[in-house]
Structures are given as structure tokens and as C-alpha cells.
Amino acid sequence: MPALWIAHVTVTDADAYGRYAALAGPAIAAYGGEFLARGGRYLQLEGREHARNVVARFPSLEAAEACYHSTEYQQALDHARGASERDLVIVETTG
């Protein structure tokens, strides 16, 4: 089953977060991830608002999790730590 990687982000250091984004994209692609939404317009209806919302589709929940724990993604994530407030969830789709 495919899975969605859903991140809600508030960037606090644009330069450092830019370094994260430059490295994260290729790491996500290497695990079969493709971006469905990356920033862009949104409408916050409930919960805590984050200025940046990202959705990527992976072939499976396991692929998305493997990407997150990969050396490549963790190296990217080092730039996001301290440069953003993030919530991230991986959700398996229904088909």
C-alpha cells in the first residue's frame, strides 16, 4: 500500500532550512518518494498552523520510514533541527 509523508513546518532559519531542502529532496526521491505538495497555498481549518505543508507519496509505509532513518535524510535533517518546528507523520493510504 502506498503511504503519505505529511510534514507541517514553521521555518525559523531560512538559510539552514534551505540546506535541508536541497538535501532532503534527493533523499526522498531515492526511496521512491514523490512530492504532491511542497509549500503552496493552504487553508488551516483546525489545529496549530504551520506556514509550510509538505506531502510526499511513497510506494509503502516501510519505504517512507526507511527514507526517514536513512543516512542521507538524517544528514539533511541535521540542517532542519534548530531551523524549524516540525510535525511529521507517515500514513498508509487505502489504495
PDB file of N, CA and C in Angstrom:
ATOM      1  N   MET A   1       0.831  -1.185   0.000  1.00  0.00           N
ATOM      2  CA  MET A   1       0.000   0.000   0.000  1.00  0.00           C
ATOM      3  C   MET A   1       0.879   1.253   0.000  1.00  0.00           C
ATOM      4  N   PRO A   2       0.553   2.225  -0.829  1.00  0.00           N
ATOM      5  CA  PRO A   2       1.289   3.492  -0.777  1.00  0.00           C
ATOM      6  C   PRO A   2       1.099   4.177   0.573  1.00  0.00           C
ATOM      7  N   ALA A   3       1.983   5.104   0.853  1.00  0.00           N
ATOM      8  CA  ALA A   3       1.910   5.863   2.095  1.00  0.00           C
ATOM      9  C   ALA A   3       2.223   7.319   1.821  1.00  0.00           C
ATOM     10  N   LEU A   4       1.659   8.189   2.639  1.00  0.00           N
ATOM     11  CA  LEU A   4       1.908   9.621   2.547  1.00  0.00           C
ATOM     12  C   LEU A   4       2.764  10.078   3.721  1.00  0.00           C
ATOM     13  N   TRP A   5       3.757  10.867   3.422  1.00  0.00           N
ATOM     14  CA  TRP A   5       4.629  11.510   4.403  1.00  0.00           C
ATOM     15  C   TRP A   5       4.092  12.928   4.483  1.00  0.00           C
ATOM     16  N   ILE A   6       3.569  13.313   5.628  1.00  0.00           N
ATOM     17  CA  ILE A   6       2.925  14.614   5.786  1.00  0.00           C
ATOM     18  C   ILE A   6       3.685  15.403   6.841  1.00  0.00           C
ATOM     19  N   ALA A   7       4.233  16.538   6.421  1.00  0.00           N
ATOM     20  CA  ALA A   7       5.004  17.392   7.326  1.00  0.00           C
ATOM     21  C   ALA A   7       4.357  18.764   7.406  1.00  0.00           C
ATOM     22  N   HIS A   8       4.250  19.272   8.621  1.00  0.00           N
ATOM     23  CA  HIS A   8       3.789  20.635   8.868  1.00  0.00           C
ATOM     24  C   HIS A   8       4.971  21.356   9.510  1.00  0.00           C
ATOM     25  N   VAL A   9       5.399  22.458   8.895  1.00  0.00           N
ATOM     26  CA  VAL A   9       6.669  23.074   9.272  1.00  0.00           C
ATOM     27  C   VAL A   9       6.519  24.579   9.446  1.00  0.00           C
ATOM     28  N   THR A  10       7.150  25.091  10.482  1.00  0.00           N
ATOM     29  CA  THR A  10       7.367  26.522  10.642  1.00  0.00           C
ATOM     30  C   THR A  10       8.873  26.737  10.582  1.00  0.00           C
ATOM     31  N   VAL A  11       9.325  27.441   9.580  1.00  0.00           N
ATOM     32  CA  VAL A  11      10.753  27.688   9.385  1.00  0.00           C
ATOM     33  C   VAL A  11      11.181  28.862  10.256  1.00  0.00           C
ATOM     34  N   THR A  12      12.257  28.654  11.022  1.00  0.00           N
ATOM     35  CA  THR A  12      12.780  29.720  11.885  1.00  0.00           C
ATOM     36  C   THR A  12      14.138  30.233  11.419  1.00  0.00           C
ATOM     37  N   ASP A  13      14.795  29.495  10.521  1.00  0.00           N
ATOM     38  CA  ASP A  13      16.076  29.906   9.940  1.00  0.00           C
ATOM     39  C   ASP A  13      16.053  29.489   8.467  1.00  0.00           C
ATOM     40  N   ALA A  14      15.734  30.441   7.593  1.00  0.00           N
ATOM     41  CA  ALA A  14      15.531  30.131   6.175  1.00  0.00           C
ATOM     42  C   ALA A  14      16.793  29.583   5.500  1.00  0.00           C
ATOM     43  N   ASP A  15      17.960  30.102   5.846  1.00  0.00           N
ATOM     44  CA  ASP A  15      19.194  29.624   5.208  1.00  0.00           C
ATOM     45  C   ASP A  15      19.465  28.168   5.550  1.00  0.00           C
ATOM     46  N   ALA A  16      19.403  27.836   6.820  1.00  0.00           N
ATOM     47  CA  ALA A  16      19.645  26.453   7.241  1.00  0.00           C
ATOM     48  C   ALA A  16      18.571  25.529   6.687  1.00  0.00           C
ATOM     49  N   TYR A  17      17.327  25.982   6.684  1.00  0.00           N
ATOM     50  CA  TYR A  17      16.254  25.141   6.159  1.00  0.00           C
ATOM     51  C   TYR A  17      16.407  24.939   4.657  1.00  0.00           C
ATOM     52  N   GLY A  18      16.922  25.916   3.974  1.00  0.00           N
ATOM     53  CA  GLY A  18      17.212  25.765   2.546  1.00  0.00           C
ATOM     54  C   GLY A  18      18.227  24.671   2.293  1.00  0.00           C
ATOM     55  N   ARG A  19      19.227  24.560   3.169  1.00  0.00           N
ATOM     56  CA  ARG A  19      20.219  23.477   3.037  1.00  0.00           C
ATOM     57  C   ARG A  19      19.544  22.126   3.278  1.00  0.00           C
ATOM     58  N   TYR A  20      18.621  22.070   4.243  1.00  0.00           N
ATOM     59  CA  TYR A  20      17.860  20.852   4.474  1.00  0.00           C
ATOM     60  C   TYR A  20      17.097  20.464   3.206  1.00  0.00           C
ATOM     61  N   ALA A  21      16.344  21.405   2.643  1.00  0.00           N
ATOM     62  CA  ALA A  21      15.501  21.119   1.482  1.00  0.00           C
ATOM     63  C   ALA A  21      16.326  20.634   0.290  1.00  0.00           C
ATOM     64  N   ALA A  22      17.501  21.217   0.099  1.00  0.00           N
ATOM     65  CA  ALA A  22      18.352  20.823  -1.027  1.00  0.00           C
ATOM     66  C   ALA A  22      18.811  19.376  -0.910  1.00  0.00           C
ATOM     67  N   LEU A  23      19.026  18.907   0.308  1.00  0.00           N
ATOM     68  CA  LEU A  23      19.473  17.525   0.527  1.00  0.00           C
ATOM     69  C   LEU A  23      18.304  16.560   0.688  1.00  0.00           C
ATOM     70  N   ALA A  24      17.207  17.030   1.253  1.00  0.00           N
ATOM     71  CA  ALA A  24      16.069  16.144   1.529  1.00  0.00           C
ATOM     72  C   ALA A  24      15.394  15.669   0.251  1.00  0.00           C
ATOM     73  N   GLY A  25      15.255  16.542  -0.733  1.00  0.00           N
ATOM     74  CA  GLY A  25      14.590  16.167  -1.985  1.00  0.00           C
ATOM     75  C   GLY A  25      15.199  14.936  -2.636  1.00  0.00           C
ATOM     76  N   PRO A  26      16.508  14.921  -2.864  1.00  0.00           N
ATOM     77  CA  PRO A  26      17.128  13.735  -3.456  1.00  0.00           C
ATOM     78  C   PRO A  26      17.027  12.489  -2.567  1.00  0.00           C
ATOM     79  N   ALA A  27      17.107  12.655  -1.251  1.00  0.00           N
ATOM     80  CA  ALA A  27      16.976  11.514  -0.344  1.00  0.00           C
ATOM     81  C   ALA A  27      15.578  10.923  -0.444  1.00  0.00           C
ATOM     82  N   ILE A  28      14.574  11.766  -0.493  1.00  0.00           N
ATOM     83  CA  ILE A  28      13.191  11.296  -0.613  1.00  0.00           C
ATOM     84  C   ILE A  28      12.987  10.592  -1.951  1.00  0.00           C
ATOM     85  N   ALA A  29      13.496  11.168  -3.021  1.00  0.00           N
ATOM     86  CA  ALA A  29      13.369  10.546  -4.346  1.00  0.00           C
ATOM     87  C   ALA A  29      14.057   9.188  -4.397  1.00  0.00           C
ATOM     88  N   ALA A  30      15.175   9.051  -3.709  1.00  0.00           N
ATOM     89  CA  ALA A  30      15.925   7.786  -3.719  1.00  0.00           C
ATOM     90  C   ALA A  30      15.124   6.635  -3.121  1.00  0.00           C
ATOM     91  N   TYR A  31      14.138   6.944  -2.300  1.00  0.00           N
ATOM     92  CA  TYR A  31      13.300   5.911  -1.686  1.00  0.00           C
ATOM     93  C   TYR A  31      11.921   5.826  -2.357  1.00  0.00           C
ATOM     94  N   GLY A  32      11.829   6.388  -3.550  1.00  0.00           N
ATOM     95  CA  GLY A  32      10.594   6.307  -4.312  1.00  0.00           C
ATOM     96  C   GLY A  32       9.577   7.361  -3.957  1.00  0.00           C
ATOM     97  N   GLY A  33       9.981   8.354  -3.169  1.00  0.00           N
ATOM     98  CA  GLY A  33       9.061   9.408  -2.782  1.00  0.00           C
ATOM     99  C   GLY A  33       8.887  10.436  -3.884  1.00  0.00           C
ATOM    100  N   GLU A  34       7.669  10.909  -4.033  1.00  0.00           N
ATOM    101  CA  GLU A  34       7.396  11.998  -4.971  1.00  0.00           C
ATOM    102  C   GLU A  34       6.536  13.026  -4.260  1.00  0.00           C
ATOM    103  N   PHE A  35       6.874  14.294  -4.460  1.00  0.00           N
ATOM    104  CA  PHE A  35       6.153  15.371  -3.784  1.00  0.00           C
ATOM    105  C   PHE A  35       4.802  15.605  -4.445  1.00  0.00           C
ATOM    106  N   LEU A  36       3.765  15.675  -3.624  1.00  0.00           N
ATOM    107  CA  LEU A  36       2.428  16.033  -4.079  1.00  0.00           C
ATOM    108  C   LEU A  36       2.123  17.490  -3.734  1.00  0.00           C
ATOM    109  N   ALA A  37       2.673  17.946  -2.625  1.00  0.00           N
ATOM    110  CA  ALA A  37       2.534  19.343  -2.198  1.00  0.00           C
ATOM    111  C   ALA A  37       3.812  19.723  -1.478  1.00  0.00           C
ATOM    112  N   ARG A  38       4.280  20.909  -1.763  1.00  0.00           N
ATOM    113  CA  ARG A  38       5.529  21.375  -1.154  1.00  0.00           C
ATOM    114  C   ARG A  38       5.408  22.883  -0.983  1.00  0.00           C
ATOM    115  N   GLY A  39       4.872  23.291   0.161  1.00  0.00           N
ATOM    116  CA  GLY A  39       4.567  24.703   0.339  1.00  0.00           C
ATOM    117  C   GLY A  39       3.244  24.990  -0.357  1.00  0.00           C
ATOM    118  N   GLY A  40       3.106  26.138  -0.891  1.00  0.00           N
ATOM    119  CA  GLY A  40       1.902  26.481  -1.631  1.00  0.00           C
ATOM    120  C   GLY A  40       0.770  26.942  -0.731  1.00  0.00           C
ATOM    121  N   ARG A  41      -0.314  27.265  -1.379  1.00  0.00           N
ATOM    122  CA  ARG A  41      -1.483  27.779  -0.657  1.00  0.00           C
ATOM    123  C   ARG A  41      -2.107  26.690   0.196  1.00  0.00           C
ATOM    124  N   TYR A  42      -2.681  27.114   1.318  1.00  0.00           N
ATOM    125  CA  TYR A  42      -3.372  26.176   2.202  1.00  0.00           C
ATOM    126  C   TYR A  42      -4.434  26.922   2.980  1.00  0.00           C
ATOM    127  N   LEU A  43      -5.306  26.173   3.570  1.00  0.00           N
ATOM    128  CA  LEU A  43      -6.359  26.726   4.411  1.00  0.00           C
ATOM    129  C   LEU A  43      -6.359  25.949   5.717  1.00  0.00           C
ATOM    130  N   GLN A  44      -5.999  26.602   6.805  1.00  0.00           N
ATOM    131  CA  GLN A  44      -5.955  25.967   8.120  1.00  0.00           C
ATOM    132  C   GLN A  44      -7.350  25.969   8.721  1.00  0.00           C
ATOM    133  N   LEU A  45      -7.933  24.814   8.917  1.00  0.00           N
ATOM    134  CA  LEU A  45      -9.281  24.726   9.457  1.00  0.00           C
ATOM    135  C   LEU A  45      -9.307  24.341  10.925  1.00  0.00           C
ATOM    136  N   GLU A  46      -8.354  23.539  11.369  1.00  0.00           N
ATOM    137  CA  GLU A  46      -8.277  23.132  12.773  1.00  0.00           C
ATOM    138  C   GLU A  46      -6.814  22.974  13.146  1.00  0.00           C
ATOM    139  N   GLY A  47      -6.559  22.991  14.437  1.00  0.00           N
ATOM    140  CA  GLY A  47      -5.223  22.705  14.948  1.00  0.00           C
ATOM    141  C   GLY A  47      -4.264  23.866  14.798  1.00  0.00           C
ATOM    142  N   ARG A  48      -3.014  23.558  15.070  1.00  0.00           N
ATOM    143  CA  ARG A  48      -1.941  24.538  15.068  1.00  0.00           C
ATOM    144  C   ARG A  48      -1.463  24.814  13.651  1.00  0.00           C
ATOM    145  N   GLU A  49      -1.386  26.070  13.294  1.00  0.00           N
ATOM    146  CA  GLU A  49      -0.982  26.462  11.947  1.00  0.00           C
ATOM    147  C   GLU A  49       0.538  26.420  11.795  1.00  0.00           C
ATOM    148  N   HIS A  50       0.974  25.893  10.661  1.00  0.00           N
ATOM    149  CA  HIS A  50       2.373  25.940  10.231  1.00  0.00           C
ATOM    150  C   HIS A  50       2.380  26.549   8.837  1.00  0.00           C
ATOM    151  N   ALA A  51       3.329  27.394   8.567  1.00  0.00           N
ATOM    152  CA  ALA A  51       3.355  28.117   7.297  1.00  0.00           C
ATOM    153  C   ALA A  51       3.722  27.239   6.106  1.00  0.00           C
ATOM    154  N   ARG A  52       4.336  26.095   6.339  1.00  0.00           N
ATOM    155  CA  ARG A  52       4.770  25.228   5.242  1.00  0.00           C
ATOM    156  C   ARG A  52       4.201  23.836   5.467  1.00  0.00           C
ATOM    157  N   ASN A  53       3.572  23.302   4.436  1.00  0.00           N
ATOM    158  CA  ASN A  53       2.985  21.963   4.499  1.00  0.00           C
ATOM    159  C   ASN A  53       3.509  21.161   3.324  1.00  0.00           C
ATOM    160  N   VAL A  54       3.985  19.955   3.606  1.00  0.00           N
ATOM    161  CA  VAL A  54       4.599  19.122   2.581  1.00  0.00           C
ATOM    162  C   VAL A  54       3.963  17.740   2.618  1.00  0.00           C
ATOM    163  N   VAL A  55       3.609  17.239   1.438  1.00  0.00           N
ATOM    164  CA  VAL A  55       3.074  15.885   1.321  1.00  0.00           C
ATOM    165  C   VAL A  55       3.864  15.171   0.225  1.00  0.00           C
ATOM    166  N   ALA A  56       4.391  13.999   0.563  1.00  0.00           N
ATOM    167  CA  ALA A  56       5.083  13.168  -0.412  1.00  0.00           C
ATOM    168  C   ALA A  56       4.473  11.772  -0.383  1.00  0.00           C
ATOM    169  N   ARG A  57       4.348  11.173  -1.553  1.00  0.00           N
ATOM    170  CA  ARG A  57       3.820   9.808  -1.643  1.00  0.00           C
ATOM    171  C   ARG A  57       4.999   8.858  -1.828  1.00  0.00           C
ATOM    172  N   PHE A  58       4.975   7.766  -1.068  1.00  0.00           N
ATOM    173  CA  PHE A  58       5.977   6.708  -1.149  1.00  0.00           C
ATOM    174  C   PHE A  58       5.289   5.409  -1.564  1.00  0.00           C
ATOM    175  N   PRO A  59       6.042   4.457  -2.105  1.00  0.00           N
ATOM    176  CA  PRO A  59       5.446   3.183  -2.505  1.00  0.00           C
ATOM    177  C   PRO A  59       4.854   2.395  -1.337  1.00  0.00           C
ATOM    178  N   SER A  60       5.377   2.626  -0.127  1.00  0.00           N
ATOM    179  CA  SER A  60       4.898   1.900   1.051  1.00  0.00           C
ATOM    180  C   SER A  60       5.277   2.670   2.306  1.00  0.00           C
ATOM    181  N   LEU A  61       4.619   2.322   3.406  1.00  0.00           N
ATOM    182  CA  LEU A  61       4.969   2.901   4.694  1.00  0.00           C
ATOM    183  C   LEU A  61       6.415   2.553   5.045  1.00  0.00           C
ATOM    184  N   GLU A  62       6.812   1.332   4.715  1.00  0.00           N
ATOM    185  CA  GLU A  62       8.180   0.891   5.017  1.00  0.00           C
ATOM    186  C   GLU A  62       9.219   1.697   4.249  1.00  0.00           C
ATOM    187  N   ALA A  63       8.926   2.039   2.993  1.00  0.00           N
ATOM    188  CA  ALA A  63       9.856   2.850   2.202  1.00  0.00           C
ATOM    189  C   ALA A  63       9.984   4.249   2.796  1.00  0.00           C
ATOM    190  N   ALA A  64       8.857   4.822   3.220  1.00  0.00           N
ATOM    191  CA  ALA A  64       8.886   6.152   3.824  1.00  0.00           C
ATOM    192  C   ALA A  64       9.675   6.134   5.133  1.00  0.00           C
ATOM    193  N   GLU A  65       9.464   5.108   5.936  1.00  0.00           N
ATOM    194  CA  GLU A  65      10.198   5.004   7.199  1.00  0.00           C
ATOM    195  C   GLU A  65      11.690   4.782   6.948  1.00  0.00           C
ATOM    196  N   ALA A  66      12.012   3.939   5.975  1.00  0.00           N
ATOM    197  CA  ALA A  66      13.423   3.701   5.641  1.00  0.00           C
ATOM    198  C   ALA A  66      14.084   4.996   5.179  1.00  0.00           C
ATOM    199  N   CYS A  67      13.365   5.785   4.414  1.00  0.00           N
ATOM    200  CA  CYS A  67      13.895   7.080   3.978  1.00  0.00           C
ATOM    201  C   CYS A  67      14.205   7.948   5.189  1.00  0.00           C
ATOM    202  N   TYR A  68      13.251   8.060   6.104  1.00  0.00           N
ATOM    203  CA  TYR A  68      13.447   8.908   7.281  1.00  0.00           C
ATOM    204  C   TYR A  68      14.693   8.504   8.060  1.00  0.00           C
ATOM    205  N   HIS A  69      14.916   7.210   8.221  1.00  0.00           N
ATOM    206  CA  HIS A  69      16.048   6.732   9.011  1.00  0.00           C
ATOM    207  C   HIS A  69      17.345   6.619   8.215  1.00  0.00           C
ATOM    208  N   SER A  70      17.295   6.879   6.914  1.00  0.00           N
ATOM    209  CA  SER A  70      18.492   6.733   6.074  1.00  0.00           C
ATOM    210  C   SER A  70      19.559   7.760   6.438  1.00  0.00           C
ATOM    211  N   THR A  71      20.779   7.411   6.157  1.00  0.00           N
ATOM    212  CA  THR A  71      21.904   8.324   6.382  1.00  0.00           C
ATOM    213  C   THR A  71      21.711   9.616   5.612  1.00  0.00           C
ATOM    214  N   GLU A  72      21.250   9.504   4.360  1.00  0.00           N
ATOM    215  CA  GLU A  72      21.089  10.696   3.514  1.00  0.00           C
ATOM    216  C   GLU A  72      20.055  11.661   4.106  1.00  0.00           C
ATOM    217  N   TYR A  73      18.921  11.126   4.534  1.00  0.00           N
ATOM    218  CA  TYR A  73      17.892  12.000   5.070  1.00  0.00           C
ATOM    219  C   TYR A  73      18.303  12.564   6.430  1.00  0.00           C
ATOM    220  N   GLN A  74      18.943  11.760   7.249  1.00  0.00           N
ATOM    221  CA  GLN A  74      19.385  12.249   8.556  1.00  0.00           C
ATOM    222  C   GLN A  74      20.414  13.364   8.404  1.00  0.00           C
ATOM    223  N   GLN A  75      21.267  13.280   7.379  1.00  0.00           N
ATOM    224  CA  GLN A  75      22.209  14.370   7.115  1.00  0.00           C
ATOM    225  C   GLN A  75      21.459  15.643   6.733  1.00  0.00           C
ATOM    226  N   ALA A  76      20.411  15.496   5.935  1.00  0.00           N
ATOM    227  CA  ALA A  76      19.584  16.652   5.589  1.00  0.00           C
ATOM    228  C   ALA A  76      18.900  17.201   6.832  1.00  0.00           C
ATOM    229  N   LEU A  77      18.350  16.313   7.634  1.00  0.00           N
ATOM    230  CA  LEU A  77      17.595  16.701   8.823  1.00  0.00           C
ATOM    231  C   LEU A  77      18.460  17.464   9.823  1.00  0.00           C
ATOM    232  N   ASP A  78      19.749  17.204   9.837  1.00  0.00           N
ATOM    233  CA  ASP A  78      20.649  17.961  10.710  1.00  0.00           C
ATOM    234  C   ASP A  78      20.524  19.461  10.475  1.00  0.00           C
ATOM    235  N   HIS A  79      20.237  19.873   9.229  1.00  0.00           N
ATOM    236  CA  HIS A  79      20.093  21.295   8.907  1.00  0.00           C
ATOM    237  C   HIS A  79      18.734  21.844   9.346  1.00  0.00           C
ATOM    238  N   ALA A  80      17.726  20.986   9.431  1.00  0.00           N
ATOM    239  CA  ALA A  80      16.385  21.430   9.828  1.00  0.00           C
ATOM    240  C   ALA A  80      16.257  21.566  11.337  1.00  0.00           C
ATOM    241  N   ARG A  81      17.011  20.762  12.076  1.00  0.00           N
ATOM    242  CA  ARG A  81      16.960  20.849  13.540  1.00  0.00           C
ATOM    243  C   ARG A  81      17.466  22.217  13.972  1.00  0.00           C
ATOM    244  N   GLY A  82      16.713  22.902  14.770  1.00  0.00           N
ATOM    245  CA  GLY A  82      17.096  24.238  15.201  1.00  0.00           C
ATOM    246  C   GLY A  82      16.748  25.308  14.172  1.00  0.00           C
ATOM    247  N   ALA A  83      16.306  24.903  12.981  1.00  0.00           N
ATOM    248  CA  ALA A  83      15.942  25.852  11.927  1.00  0.00           C
ATOM    249  C   ALA A  83      14.451  25.791  11.626  1.00  0.00           C
ATOM    250  N   SER A  84      13.739  24.923  12.367  1.00  0.00           N
ATOM    251  CA  SER A  84      12.309  24.768  12.100  1.00  0.00           C
ATOM    252  C   SER A  84      11.626  24.077  13.271  1.00  0.00           C
ATOM    253  N   GLU A  85      10.327  24.274  13.323  1.00  0.00           N
ATOM    254  CA  GLU A  85       9.460  23.491  14.208  1.00  0.00           C
ATOM    255  C   GLU A  85       8.666  22.601  13.272  1.00  0.00           C
ATOM    256  N   ARG A  86       8.682  21.289  13.507  1.00  0.00           N
ATOM    257  CA  ARG A  86       8.111  20.344  12.551  1.00  0.00           C
ATOM    258  C   ARG A  86       7.248  19.304  13.232  1.00  0.00           C
ATOM    259  N   ASP A  87       6.213  18.925  12.543  1.00  0.00           N
ATOM    260  CA  ASP A  87       5.426  17.738  12.877  1.00  0.00           C
ATOM    261  C   ASP A  87       5.478  16.876  11.626  1.00  0.00           C
ATOM    262  N   LEU A  88       5.721  15.586  11.797  1.00  0.00           N
ATOM    263  CA  LEU A  88       5.833  14.681  10.645  1.00  0.00           C
ATOM    264  C   LEU A  88       5.117  13.383  10.980  1.00  0.00           C
ATOM    265  N   VAL A  89       4.294  12.926  10.048  1.00  0.00           N
ATOM    266  CA  VAL A  89       3.590  11.655  10.212  1.00  0.00           C
ATOM    267  C   VAL A  89       3.630  10.920   8.879  1.00  0.00           C
ATOM    268  N   ILE A  90       3.656   9.603   8.944  1.00  0.00           N
ATOM    269  CA  ILE A  90       3.548   8.772   7.763  1.00  0.00           C
ATOM    270  C   ILE A  90       2.230   8.014   7.895  1.00  0.00           C
ATOM    271  N   VAL A  91       1.401   8.094   6.853  1.00  0.00           N
ATOM    272  CA  VAL A  91       0.076   7.490   6.876  1.00  0.00           C
ATOM    273  C   VAL A  91      -0.080   6.573   5.674  1.00  0.00           C
ATOM    274  N   GLU A  92      -0.438   5.322   5.936  1.00  0.00           N
ATOM    275  CA  GLU A  92      -0.692   4.403   4.837  1.00  0.00           C
ATOM    276  C   GLU A  92      -2.023   4.760   4.191  1.00  0.00           C
ATOM    277  N   THR A  93      -2.055   4.742   2.861  1.00  0.00           N
ATOM    278  CA  THR A  93      -3.288   5.084   2.153  1.00  0.00           C
ATOM    279  C   THR A  93      -4.172   3.856   2.037  1.00  0.00           C
ATOM    280  N   THR A  94      -5.374   4.065   1.570  1.00  0.00           N
ATOM    281  CA  THR A  94      -6.311   2.948   1.423  1.00  0.00           C
ATOM    282  C   THR A  94      -6.263   2.340   0.030  1.00  0.00           C
ATOM    283  N   GLY A  95      -5.342   2.803  -0.794  1.00  0.00           N
ATOM    284  CA  GLY A  95      -5.244   2.206  -2.122  1.00  0.00           C
ATOM    285  C   GLY A  95      -4.636   3.075  -3.140  1.00  0.00           C
TER     286      GLY A  95
END
